[in-house]
């Protein structure tokens, strides 16, 4: 009987652990270390351009300006996450979206992010370059992620061209309430099993 209960306890713990690992968790912070961009449709333009994010937290509402990570045709390019109201150096406000947010899944090693407010500004033109369903890889041990997506540029001198983006950095996950609940339920189950064994 004791051996049976021990085996059951181990199996229950394994089930709880695997369940917690498989559950997707929300992204608490998402830092950008490096990235690249190229403008499709103009093969004569030497690209991609690479840039440094300098640890910018994309999920922070008060830390969304990128500054000028690279220069395109002698003019600085600004990239930032915009809610649609912010426009650098006098350009028209660009279409935006919610503060960047998403989910990571340790079991599959994937990240899914809503980048719909990603915006590019150059020479007083603004283009929304976002995508609401960007997916990529995520390392649950180091937090390193790698995402890439494409978006059509509407209006301005590059109307109809494609912006191709790639970002690398770290994403810090925070467990959802349901995950905490699963862990607490598992601990309660193990406590009950242990108490039962003591009575036996």
N, C-alpha and C. Protein backbone atom coordinates (compact mmCIF):
# COMPACT_ATOMS: atom_id res chain seq x y z
N UNK A 1 0.83 -1.21 0.00
CA UNK A 1 0.00 0.00 0.00
C UNK A 1 0.87 1.26 0.00
N UNK A 2 1.93 1.23 0.82
CA UNK A 2 2.81 2.38 0.90
C UNK A 2 3.48 2.66 -0.43
N UNK A 3 3.92 1.58 -1.09
CA UNK A 3 4.57 1.72 -2.38
C UNK A 3 3.61 2.30 -3.42
N UNK A 4 2.36 1.84 -3.37
CA UNK A 4 1.34 2.33 -4.31
C UNK A 4 1.10 3.82 -4.12
N UNK A 5 1.00 4.23 -2.84
CA UNK A 5 0.77 5.63 -2.56
C UNK A 5 1.96 6.49 -2.98
N UNK A 6 3.17 5.98 -2.79
CA UNK A 6 4.37 6.72 -3.19
C UNK A 6 4.39 6.93 -4.69
N UNK A 7 4.06 5.87 -5.43
CA UNK A 7 4.02 5.96 -6.88
C UNK A 7 2.97 6.96 -7.34
N UNK A 8 1.83 6.94 -6.64
CA UNK A 8 0.75 7.86 -6.98
C UNK A 8 1.19 9.31 -6.73
N UNK A 9 1.92 9.53 -5.63
CA UNK A 9 2.39 10.86 -5.30
C UNK A 9 3.34 11.38 -6.36
N UNK A 10 4.25 10.53 -6.80
CA UNK A 10 5.21 10.92 -7.83
C UNK A 10 4.49 11.24 -9.13
N UNK A 11 3.51 10.38 -9.48
CA UNK A 11 2.75 10.61 -10.71
C UNK A 11 1.97 11.91 -10.64
N UNK A 12 1.38 12.20 -9.49
CA UNK A 12 0.61 13.43 -9.32
C UNK A 12 1.51 14.65 -9.45
N UNK A 13 2.70 14.58 -8.82
CA UNK A 13 3.63 15.69 -8.90
C UNK A 13 4.07 15.93 -10.34
N UNK A 14 4.34 14.84 -11.05
CA UNK A 14 4.76 14.97 -12.46
C UNK A 14 3.66 15.60 -13.29
N UNK A 15 2.42 15.19 -13.03
CA UNK A 15 1.28 15.72 -13.77
C UNK A 15 1.14 17.22 -13.52
N UNK A 16 1.27 17.62 -12.25
CA UNK A 16 1.12 19.02 -11.90
C UNK A 16 2.23 19.85 -12.52
N UNK A 17 3.46 19.34 -12.45
CA UNK A 17 4.61 20.06 -12.99
C UNK A 17 4.49 20.24 -14.50
N UNK A 18 4.11 19.16 -15.19
CA UNK A 18 3.99 19.25 -16.64
C UNK A 18 2.85 20.17 -17.03
N UNK A 19 1.78 20.17 -16.25
CA UNK A 19 0.66 21.04 -16.54
C UNK A 19 1.04 22.50 -16.41
N UNK A 20 1.84 22.81 -15.35
CA UNK A 20 2.26 24.19 -15.15
C UNK A 20 3.21 24.63 -16.25
N UNK A 21 4.08 23.73 -16.71
CA UNK A 21 5.03 24.08 -17.75
C UNK A 21 4.32 24.30 -19.09
N UNK A 22 3.26 23.52 -19.33
CA UNK A 22 2.58 23.60 -20.62
C UNK A 22 1.70 24.84 -20.73
N UNK A 23 1.33 25.42 -19.59
CA UNK A 23 0.43 26.56 -19.61
C UNK A 23 1.15 27.81 -20.10
N UNK A 24 0.58 28.52 -21.07
CA UNK A 24 1.20 29.77 -21.52
C UNK A 24 1.12 30.82 -20.42
N UNK A 25 2.12 31.70 -20.36
CA UNK A 25 2.13 32.75 -19.34
C UNK A 25 2.29 34.10 -20.02
N UNK A 26 1.78 35.12 -19.38
CA UNK A 26 1.84 36.46 -19.95
C UNK A 26 3.26 37.01 -19.90
N UNK A 27 3.55 37.94 -20.80
CA UNK A 27 4.85 38.59 -20.82
C UNK A 27 4.81 39.81 -19.89
N UNK A 28 5.73 39.84 -18.94
CA UNK A 28 5.80 40.95 -18.01
C UNK A 28 6.63 42.09 -18.59
N UNK A 29 7.82 41.77 -19.07
CA UNK A 29 8.66 42.75 -19.73
C UNK A 29 9.25 42.12 -20.99
N UNK A 30 9.52 42.94 -21.98
CA UNK A 30 10.05 42.44 -23.25
C UNK A 30 11.11 43.42 -23.75
N UNK A 31 12.37 43.06 -23.51
CA UNK A 31 13.48 43.92 -23.89
C UNK A 31 13.96 43.61 -25.31
N UNK A 32 14.35 44.65 -26.02
CA UNK A 32 14.95 44.49 -27.34
C UNK A 32 16.45 44.71 -27.23
N UNK A 33 17.23 43.75 -27.71
CA UNK A 33 18.68 43.89 -27.72
C UNK A 33 19.16 44.35 -29.09
N UNK A 34 18.74 43.65 -30.13
CA UNK A 34 19.13 44.01 -31.50
C UNK A 34 17.95 43.78 -32.43
N UNK A 35 18.05 44.30 -33.63
CA UNK A 35 17.02 44.10 -34.63
C UNK A 35 17.54 44.42 -36.01
N UNK A 36 16.70 44.19 -37.00
CA UNK A 36 17.06 44.53 -38.37
C UNK A 36 15.80 44.88 -39.14
N UNK A 37 16.01 45.63 -40.22
CA UNK A 37 14.89 46.04 -41.07
C UNK A 37 15.37 46.12 -42.51
N UNK A 38 14.55 45.68 -43.43
CA UNK A 38 14.83 45.96 -44.84
C UNK A 38 13.53 46.28 -45.54
N UNK A 39 13.67 47.09 -46.57
CA UNK A 39 12.50 47.58 -47.30
C UNK A 39 12.38 46.81 -48.59
N UNK A 40 11.42 45.91 -48.66
CA UNK A 40 11.23 45.10 -49.84
C UNK A 40 10.69 45.92 -51.00
N UNK A 41 10.99 45.51 -52.21
CA UNK A 41 10.50 46.20 -53.38
C UNK A 41 11.53 47.11 -54.03
N UNK A 42 12.68 47.28 -53.35
CA UNK A 42 13.75 48.10 -53.92
C UNK A 42 15.06 47.33 -53.81
N UNK A 43 15.30 46.39 -54.72
CA UNK A 43 16.49 45.55 -54.64
C UNK A 43 17.80 46.32 -54.70
N UNK A 44 17.78 47.53 -55.27
CA UNK A 44 19.03 48.30 -55.39
C UNK A 44 19.46 48.93 -54.06
N UNK A 45 18.54 48.95 -53.10
CA UNK A 45 18.87 49.55 -51.81
C UNK A 45 19.64 48.53 -50.96
N UNK A 46 20.84 48.90 -50.49
CA UNK A 46 21.62 47.95 -49.68
C UNK A 46 21.00 47.79 -48.29
N UNK A 47 20.45 46.65 -48.01
CA UNK A 47 19.86 46.41 -46.71
C UNK A 47 19.97 44.93 -46.39
N UNK A 48 19.72 44.42 -45.21
CA UNK A 48 18.99 45.12 -44.15
C UNK A 48 19.88 46.05 -43.32
N UNK A 49 19.22 46.95 -42.60
CA UNK A 49 19.88 47.76 -41.61
C UNK A 49 19.72 47.07 -40.26
N UNK A 50 20.77 47.08 -39.50
CA UNK A 50 20.69 46.51 -38.15
C UNK A 50 20.70 47.64 -37.13
N UNK A 51 20.08 47.41 -35.99
CA UNK A 51 20.02 48.43 -34.96
C UNK A 51 20.05 47.80 -33.58
N UNK A 52 20.35 48.61 -32.59
CA UNK A 52 20.40 48.16 -31.21
C UNK A 52 19.22 48.74 -30.45
N UNK A 53 18.56 47.88 -29.69
CA UNK A 53 17.44 48.35 -28.89
C UNK A 53 17.85 48.91 -27.55
N UNK A 54 19.09 48.64 -27.15
CA UNK A 54 19.62 49.15 -25.88
C UNK A 54 18.76 48.79 -24.68
N UNK A 55 18.16 47.62 -24.72
CA UNK A 55 17.39 47.18 -23.57
C UNK A 55 16.06 47.87 -23.39
N UNK A 56 15.49 48.44 -24.45
CA UNK A 56 14.20 49.11 -24.35
C UNK A 56 13.10 48.11 -24.00
N UNK A 57 12.30 48.45 -23.02
CA UNK A 57 11.19 47.59 -22.62
C UNK A 57 9.95 47.95 -23.43
N UNK A 58 9.58 47.07 -24.36
CA UNK A 58 8.45 47.36 -25.24
C UNK A 58 7.11 47.30 -24.53
N UNK A 59 7.05 46.64 -23.39
CA UNK A 59 5.77 46.50 -22.68
C UNK A 59 5.51 47.65 -21.72
N UNK A 60 6.45 48.58 -21.59
CA UNK A 60 6.28 49.71 -20.69
C UNK A 60 5.67 50.88 -21.43
N UNK A 61 4.52 51.35 -20.95
CA UNK A 61 3.80 52.43 -21.63
C UNK A 61 4.59 53.74 -21.63
N UNK A 62 5.46 53.93 -20.65
CA UNK A 62 6.19 55.19 -20.55
C UNK A 62 7.61 55.10 -21.12
N UNK A 63 7.89 54.06 -21.90
CA UNK A 63 9.25 53.89 -22.41
C UNK A 63 9.17 53.33 -23.83
N UNK A 64 8.56 54.10 -24.72
CA UNK A 64 8.24 53.56 -26.03
C UNK A 64 9.03 54.18 -27.18
N UNK A 65 9.82 55.21 -26.93
CA UNK A 65 10.51 55.86 -28.03
C UNK A 65 11.86 55.20 -28.29
N UNK A 66 12.12 54.90 -29.54
CA UNK A 66 13.37 54.25 -29.91
C UNK A 66 14.49 55.20 -30.23
N UNK A 67 14.19 56.47 -30.47
CA UNK A 67 15.26 57.34 -30.94
C UNK A 67 15.57 57.02 -32.40
N UNK A 68 16.81 57.10 -32.79
CA UNK A 68 17.19 56.90 -34.18
C UNK A 68 18.17 55.74 -34.29
N UNK A 69 17.68 54.54 -34.51
CA UNK A 69 18.57 53.39 -34.54
C UNK A 69 19.36 53.25 -35.84
N UNK A 70 18.88 53.85 -36.94
CA UNK A 70 19.64 53.77 -38.19
C UNK A 70 19.26 54.92 -39.11
N UNK A 71 20.06 55.14 -40.14
CA UNK A 71 19.84 56.23 -41.09
C UNK A 71 19.51 55.66 -42.47
N UNK A 72 18.49 56.23 -43.09
CA UNK A 72 18.03 55.75 -44.39
C UNK A 72 18.05 56.93 -45.34
N UNK A 73 18.85 56.87 -46.41
CA UNK A 73 18.99 57.97 -47.36
C UNK A 73 19.28 59.29 -46.64
N UNK A 74 20.26 59.24 -45.76
CA UNK A 74 20.78 60.42 -45.05
C UNK A 74 19.79 61.03 -44.06
N UNK A 75 18.70 60.36 -43.77
CA UNK A 75 17.74 60.85 -42.78
C UNK A 75 17.53 59.79 -41.71
N UNK A 76 17.41 60.23 -40.46
CA UNK A 76 17.24 59.26 -39.38
C UNK A 76 15.89 58.56 -39.45
N UNK A 77 15.87 57.32 -39.06
CA UNK A 77 14.64 56.54 -38.98
C UNK A 77 14.31 56.35 -37.50
N UNK A 78 13.08 56.65 -37.14
CA UNK A 78 12.61 56.42 -35.78
C UNK A 78 11.67 55.21 -35.79
N UNK A 79 11.86 54.35 -34.83
CA UNK A 79 10.91 53.25 -34.66
C UNK A 79 10.45 53.24 -33.21
N UNK A 80 9.17 53.05 -33.02
CA UNK A 80 8.61 53.15 -31.68
C UNK A 80 7.28 52.42 -31.63
N UNK A 81 6.80 52.17 -30.44
CA UNK A 81 5.47 51.58 -30.29
C UNK A 81 4.50 52.72 -30.02
N UNK A 82 3.54 52.91 -30.90
CA UNK A 82 2.66 54.08 -30.87
C UNK A 82 1.22 53.70 -30.60
N UNK A 83 0.56 54.50 -29.76
CA UNK A 83 -0.87 54.29 -29.54
C UNK A 83 -1.69 55.09 -30.54
N UNK A 84 -1.00 55.73 -31.50
CA UNK A 84 -1.70 56.50 -32.52
C UNK A 84 -1.70 57.99 -32.27
N UNK A 85 -1.16 58.43 -31.13
CA UNK A 85 -1.18 59.85 -30.80
C UNK A 85 0.22 60.47 -30.84
N UNK A 86 1.26 59.65 -30.73
CA UNK A 86 2.61 60.18 -30.69
C UNK A 86 3.22 60.21 -32.09
N UNK A 87 3.81 61.33 -32.48
CA UNK A 87 4.46 61.44 -33.79
C UNK A 87 5.77 62.20 -33.61
N UNK A 88 6.91 61.61 -33.99
CA UNK A 88 8.19 62.30 -33.85
C UNK A 88 8.37 63.42 -34.87
N UNK A 89 9.13 64.40 -34.51
CA UNK A 89 9.50 65.58 -35.30
C UNK A 89 8.43 66.07 -36.27
N UNK A 90 7.21 66.27 -35.75
CA UNK A 90 6.19 67.01 -36.48
C UNK A 90 5.38 66.26 -37.52
N UNK A 91 5.60 64.96 -37.68
CA UNK A 91 4.83 64.22 -38.66
C UNK A 91 3.41 63.97 -38.17
N UNK A 92 2.57 63.48 -39.05
CA UNK A 92 1.20 63.15 -38.66
C UNK A 92 1.20 61.92 -37.76
N UNK A 93 0.31 61.87 -36.78
CA UNK A 93 0.23 60.68 -35.92
C UNK A 93 0.01 59.42 -36.75
N UNK A 94 0.72 58.39 -36.39
CA UNK A 94 0.60 57.12 -37.11
C UNK A 94 -0.45 56.24 -36.45
N UNK A 95 -1.09 55.39 -37.26
CA UNK A 95 -2.04 54.43 -36.70
C UNK A 95 -1.31 53.54 -35.71
N UNK A 96 -1.91 53.31 -34.58
CA UNK A 96 -1.25 52.52 -33.54
C UNK A 96 -2.12 51.41 -33.02
N UNK A 97 -1.79 50.92 -31.86
CA UNK A 97 -2.53 49.84 -31.24
C UNK A 97 -2.22 49.79 -29.76
N UNK A 98 -2.58 48.72 -29.10
CA UNK A 98 -2.34 48.61 -27.66
C UNK A 98 -0.85 48.49 -27.36
N UNK A 99 -0.48 48.78 -26.12
CA UNK A 99 0.90 48.55 -25.70
C UNK A 99 1.26 47.10 -26.00
N UNK A 100 2.46 46.90 -26.52
CA UNK A 100 2.87 45.56 -26.93
C UNK A 100 2.70 44.56 -25.79
N UNK A 101 2.03 43.46 -26.09
CA UNK A 101 1.78 42.43 -25.09
C UNK A 101 1.73 41.08 -25.78
N UNK A 102 1.81 40.02 -25.01
CA UNK A 102 1.77 38.69 -25.60
C UNK A 102 1.90 37.59 -24.60
N UNK A 103 2.17 36.39 -25.11
CA UNK A 103 2.26 35.19 -24.28
C UNK A 103 3.50 34.39 -24.68
N UNK A 104 4.05 33.66 -23.71
CA UNK A 104 5.14 32.72 -23.99
C UNK A 104 4.73 31.35 -23.48
N UNK A 105 5.22 30.32 -24.11
CA UNK A 105 4.89 28.95 -23.74
C UNK A 105 6.18 28.16 -23.57
N UNK A 106 6.48 27.77 -22.33
CA UNK A 106 7.72 27.06 -22.04
C UNK A 106 7.74 25.68 -22.66
N UNK A 107 6.57 25.05 -22.76
CA UNK A 107 6.51 23.68 -23.27
C UNK A 107 6.88 23.61 -24.74
N UNK A 108 6.44 24.59 -25.52
CA UNK A 108 6.71 24.59 -26.95
C UNK A 108 7.87 25.50 -27.34
N UNK A 109 8.34 26.32 -26.39
CA UNK A 109 9.43 27.23 -26.68
C UNK A 109 9.05 28.31 -27.68
N UNK A 110 7.82 28.82 -27.56
CA UNK A 110 7.34 29.81 -28.51
C UNK A 110 6.89 31.09 -27.81
N UNK A 111 6.85 32.16 -28.58
CA UNK A 111 6.36 33.45 -28.11
C UNK A 111 5.38 33.97 -29.15
N UNK A 112 4.27 34.55 -28.68
CA UNK A 112 3.27 35.16 -29.55
C UNK A 112 3.02 36.57 -29.03
N UNK A 113 3.20 37.56 -29.90
CA UNK A 113 3.14 38.95 -29.46
C UNK A 113 2.24 39.78 -30.36
N UNK A 114 1.48 40.69 -29.73
CA UNK A 114 0.69 41.66 -30.48
C UNK A 114 1.57 42.89 -30.71
N UNK A 115 2.10 43.02 -31.93
CA UNK A 115 2.97 44.14 -32.28
C UNK A 115 2.23 45.16 -33.14
N UNK A 116 0.92 45.25 -32.98
CA UNK A 116 0.12 46.08 -33.89
C UNK A 116 0.41 47.57 -33.78
N UNK A 117 1.09 48.02 -32.72
CA UNK A 117 1.39 49.45 -32.63
C UNK A 117 2.81 49.79 -33.07
N UNK A 118 3.54 48.86 -33.65
CA UNK A 118 4.90 49.11 -34.11
C UNK A 118 4.87 50.12 -35.26
N UNK A 119 5.60 51.20 -35.13
CA UNK A 119 5.54 52.30 -36.08
C UNK A 119 6.93 52.74 -36.52
N UNK A 120 7.04 53.11 -37.78
CA UNK A 120 8.30 53.62 -38.35
C UNK A 120 8.07 55.03 -38.86
N UNK A 121 9.02 55.91 -38.60
CA UNK A 121 8.91 57.29 -39.05
C UNK A 121 10.21 57.71 -39.74
N UNK A 122 10.07 58.33 -40.92
CA UNK A 122 11.24 58.78 -41.68
C UNK A 122 10.87 59.99 -42.51
N UNK A 123 11.65 61.04 -42.42
CA UNK A 123 11.48 62.23 -43.24
C UNK A 123 10.04 62.77 -43.15
N UNK A 124 9.52 62.84 -41.95
CA UNK A 124 8.16 63.33 -41.66
C UNK A 124 7.05 62.42 -42.16
N UNK A 125 7.38 61.21 -42.62
CA UNK A 125 6.36 60.23 -42.97
C UNK A 125 6.27 59.20 -41.84
N UNK A 126 5.05 58.73 -41.57
CA UNK A 126 4.85 57.70 -40.55
C UNK A 126 4.15 56.51 -41.17
N UNK A 127 4.65 55.33 -40.87
CA UNK A 127 4.02 54.10 -41.34
C UNK A 127 3.78 53.16 -40.18
N UNK A 128 2.56 52.68 -40.06
CA UNK A 128 2.35 51.60 -39.11
C UNK A 128 2.92 50.34 -39.73
N UNK A 129 3.83 49.69 -39.02
CA UNK A 129 4.50 48.50 -39.52
C UNK A 129 4.21 47.31 -38.61
N UNK A 130 3.08 47.37 -37.95
CA UNK A 130 2.76 46.35 -36.96
C UNK A 130 2.08 45.12 -37.53
N UNK A 131 1.98 44.14 -36.66
CA UNK A 131 1.27 42.89 -36.95
C UNK A 131 0.72 42.40 -35.62
N UNK A 132 -0.54 42.04 -35.61
CA UNK A 132 -1.19 41.68 -34.34
C UNK A 132 -0.88 40.27 -33.88
N UNK A 133 -0.26 39.45 -34.74
CA UNK A 133 -0.02 38.06 -34.37
C UNK A 133 1.39 37.63 -34.82
N UNK A 134 2.39 38.16 -34.13
CA UNK A 134 3.78 37.84 -34.44
C UNK A 134 4.22 36.66 -33.57
N UNK A 135 4.78 35.65 -34.20
CA UNK A 135 5.23 34.47 -33.46
C UNK A 135 6.73 34.26 -33.66
N UNK A 136 7.35 33.56 -32.73
CA UNK A 136 8.77 33.26 -32.82
C UNK A 136 9.19 32.28 -31.75
N UNK A 137 10.50 32.20 -31.54
CA UNK A 137 11.04 31.25 -30.56
C UNK A 137 11.32 31.95 -29.24
N UNK A 138 11.24 31.17 -28.14
CA UNK A 138 11.49 31.70 -26.81
C UNK A 138 12.15 30.63 -25.96
N UNK A 139 13.24 30.99 -25.29
CA UNK A 139 13.96 30.07 -24.42
C UNK A 139 13.54 30.31 -22.98
N UNK A 140 12.87 29.34 -22.38
CA UNK A 140 12.34 29.53 -21.03
C UNK A 140 13.43 29.64 -19.98
N UNK A 141 14.63 29.16 -20.29
CA UNK A 141 15.74 29.23 -19.33
C UNK A 141 16.41 30.60 -19.34
N UNK A 142 16.70 31.11 -20.51
CA UNK A 142 17.40 32.40 -20.63
C UNK A 142 16.46 33.57 -20.88
N UNK A 143 15.24 33.29 -21.35
CA UNK A 143 14.31 34.34 -21.70
C UNK A 143 14.54 34.92 -23.09
N UNK A 144 15.53 34.40 -23.81
CA UNK A 144 15.86 34.94 -25.14
C UNK A 144 14.74 34.63 -26.14
N UNK A 145 14.38 35.64 -26.94
CA UNK A 145 13.37 35.44 -27.97
C UNK A 145 13.90 35.92 -29.31
N UNK A 146 13.25 35.47 -30.37
CA UNK A 146 13.58 35.88 -31.72
C UNK A 146 12.28 35.92 -32.51
N UNK A 147 11.89 37.09 -32.98
CA UNK A 147 10.65 37.21 -33.73
C UNK A 147 10.92 37.94 -35.06
N UNK A 148 10.08 37.69 -36.04
CA UNK A 148 10.20 38.35 -37.34
C UNK A 148 8.81 38.45 -37.96
N UNK A 149 8.58 39.54 -38.70
CA UNK A 149 7.30 39.70 -39.37
C UNK A 149 7.46 40.69 -40.53
N UNK A 150 6.45 40.78 -41.37
CA UNK A 150 6.44 41.70 -42.49
C UNK A 150 5.16 42.52 -42.46
N UNK A 151 5.24 43.75 -43.00
CA UNK A 151 4.07 44.61 -43.03
C UNK A 151 4.16 45.55 -44.22
N UNK A 152 3.04 45.75 -44.91
CA UNK A 152 3.01 46.63 -46.09
C UNK A 152 3.06 48.09 -45.66
N UNK A 153 3.83 48.89 -46.38
CA UNK A 153 3.95 50.31 -46.11
C UNK A 153 2.92 51.05 -46.95
N UNK A 154 2.03 51.78 -46.29
CA UNK A 154 0.94 52.46 -46.98
C UNK A 154 1.17 53.96 -46.99
N UNK A 155 1.12 54.58 -48.17
CA UNK A 155 1.31 56.01 -48.31
C UNK A 155 2.78 56.40 -48.34
N UNK A 156 3.04 57.67 -48.70
CA UNK A 156 4.40 58.15 -48.70
C UNK A 156 5.22 57.61 -49.85
N UNK A 157 6.52 57.84 -49.83
CA UNK A 157 7.38 57.47 -50.96
C UNK A 157 7.57 55.98 -51.16
N UNK A 158 7.26 55.17 -50.14
CA UNK A 158 7.45 53.73 -50.27
C UNK A 158 6.11 52.98 -50.26
N UNK A 159 5.07 53.65 -50.70
CA UNK A 159 3.75 53.05 -50.71
C UNK A 159 3.76 51.71 -51.46
N UNK A 160 3.24 50.68 -50.81
CA UNK A 160 3.16 49.37 -51.43
C UNK A 160 4.37 48.49 -51.19
N UNK A 161 5.45 49.07 -50.67
CA UNK A 161 6.62 48.26 -50.36
C UNK A 161 6.36 47.47 -49.07
N UNK A 162 7.24 46.52 -48.81
CA UNK A 162 7.09 45.67 -47.63
C UNK A 162 8.22 45.93 -46.65
N UNK A 163 7.86 46.21 -45.41
CA UNK A 163 8.85 46.34 -44.36
C UNK A 163 9.03 44.99 -43.69
N UNK A 164 10.26 44.50 -43.67
CA UNK A 164 10.58 43.21 -43.06
C UNK A 164 11.37 43.45 -41.78
N UNK A 165 10.82 42.99 -40.66
CA UNK A 165 11.40 43.29 -39.36
C UNK A 165 11.87 42.02 -38.65
N UNK A 166 12.92 42.18 -37.86
CA UNK A 166 13.42 41.08 -37.03
C UNK A 166 13.91 41.67 -35.71
N UNK A 167 13.47 41.10 -34.60
CA UNK A 167 13.88 41.58 -33.28
C UNK A 167 14.38 40.42 -32.44
N UNK A 168 15.44 40.70 -31.67
CA UNK A 168 15.96 39.72 -30.72
C UNK A 168 16.10 40.42 -29.37
N UNK A 169 15.87 39.67 -28.30
CA UNK A 169 16.00 40.24 -26.97
C UNK A 169 15.62 39.23 -25.92
N UNK A 170 15.13 39.72 -24.79
CA UNK A 170 14.69 38.84 -23.71
C UNK A 170 13.27 39.20 -23.29
N UNK A 171 12.48 38.18 -23.02
CA UNK A 171 11.11 38.37 -22.55
C UNK A 171 10.98 37.70 -21.19
N UNK A 172 10.56 38.48 -20.21
CA UNK A 172 10.38 37.97 -18.86
C UNK A 172 8.91 37.62 -18.66
N UNK A 173 8.64 36.39 -18.32
CA UNK A 173 7.26 35.92 -18.19
C UNK A 173 6.76 36.04 -16.76
N UNK A 174 5.47 36.28 -16.63
CA UNK A 174 4.82 36.29 -15.32
C UNK A 174 3.66 35.30 -15.38
N UNK A 175 3.61 34.33 -14.44
CA UNK A 175 2.53 33.33 -14.47
C UNK A 175 1.16 33.97 -14.33
N UNK A 176 0.20 33.43 -15.06
CA UNK A 176 -1.17 33.90 -14.93
C UNK A 176 -1.77 33.36 -13.63
N UNK A 177 -2.88 33.95 -13.23
CA UNK A 177 -3.55 33.52 -12.00
C UNK A 177 -3.92 32.04 -12.06
N UNK A 178 -4.30 31.57 -13.25
CA UNK A 178 -4.70 30.17 -13.39
C UNK A 178 -3.52 29.24 -13.12
N UNK A 179 -2.31 29.69 -13.51
CA UNK A 179 -1.13 28.88 -13.27
C UNK A 179 -0.84 28.79 -11.78
N UNK A 180 -0.94 29.93 -11.08
CA UNK A 180 -0.77 29.90 -9.63
C UNK A 180 -1.80 28.98 -8.99
N UNK A 181 -3.04 29.04 -9.47
CA UNK A 181 -4.08 28.19 -8.93
C UNK A 181 -3.76 26.72 -9.11
N UNK A 182 -3.20 26.39 -10.28
CA UNK A 182 -2.84 25.01 -10.55
C UNK A 182 -1.74 24.53 -9.60
N UNK A 183 -0.77 25.40 -9.34
CA UNK A 183 0.31 25.03 -8.44
C UNK A 183 -0.22 24.84 -7.02
N UNK A 184 -1.08 25.75 -6.55
CA UNK A 184 -1.63 25.64 -5.21
C UNK A 184 -2.50 24.39 -5.06
N UNK A 185 -3.28 24.09 -6.12
CA UNK A 185 -4.10 22.89 -6.09
C UNK A 185 -3.23 21.64 -6.00
N UNK A 186 -2.11 21.66 -6.72
CA UNK A 186 -1.20 20.52 -6.69
C UNK A 186 -0.57 20.33 -5.33
N UNK A 187 -0.19 21.45 -4.70
CA UNK A 187 0.40 21.36 -3.36
C UNK A 187 -0.62 20.84 -2.36
N UNK A 188 -1.86 21.30 -2.51
CA UNK A 188 -2.91 20.81 -1.61
C UNK A 188 -3.14 19.32 -1.79
N UNK A 189 -3.11 18.86 -3.04
CA UNK A 189 -3.27 17.43 -3.31
C UNK A 189 -2.16 16.62 -2.68
N UNK A 190 -0.92 17.08 -2.85
CA UNK A 190 0.21 16.36 -2.27
C UNK A 190 0.15 16.36 -0.75
N UNK A 191 -0.31 17.48 -0.16
CA UNK A 191 -0.45 17.54 1.29
C UNK A 191 -1.47 16.53 1.77
N UNK A 192 -2.58 16.43 1.03
CA UNK A 192 -3.62 15.48 1.41
C UNK A 192 -3.12 14.05 1.30
N UNK A 193 -2.34 13.76 0.26
CA UNK A 193 -1.79 12.41 0.09
C UNK A 193 -0.84 12.07 1.23
N UNK A 194 0.01 13.04 1.59
CA UNK A 194 0.96 12.82 2.68
C UNK A 194 0.24 12.59 4.00
N UNK A 195 -0.78 13.38 4.26
CA UNK A 195 -1.54 13.22 5.50
C UNK A 195 -2.22 11.85 5.55
N UNK A 196 -2.73 11.41 4.41
CA UNK A 196 -3.38 10.10 4.34
C UNK A 196 -2.37 8.99 4.62
N UNK A 197 -1.18 9.13 4.09
CA UNK A 197 -0.16 8.10 4.31
C UNK A 197 0.21 8.03 5.78
N UNK A 198 0.27 9.18 6.44
CA UNK A 198 0.63 9.19 7.86
C UNK A 198 -0.43 8.47 8.69
N UNK A 199 -1.70 8.67 8.31
CA UNK A 199 -2.77 7.99 9.05
C UNK A 199 -2.67 6.49 8.88
N UNK A 200 -2.25 6.07 7.67
CA UNK A 200 -2.11 4.62 7.42
C UNK A 200 -0.94 4.04 8.18
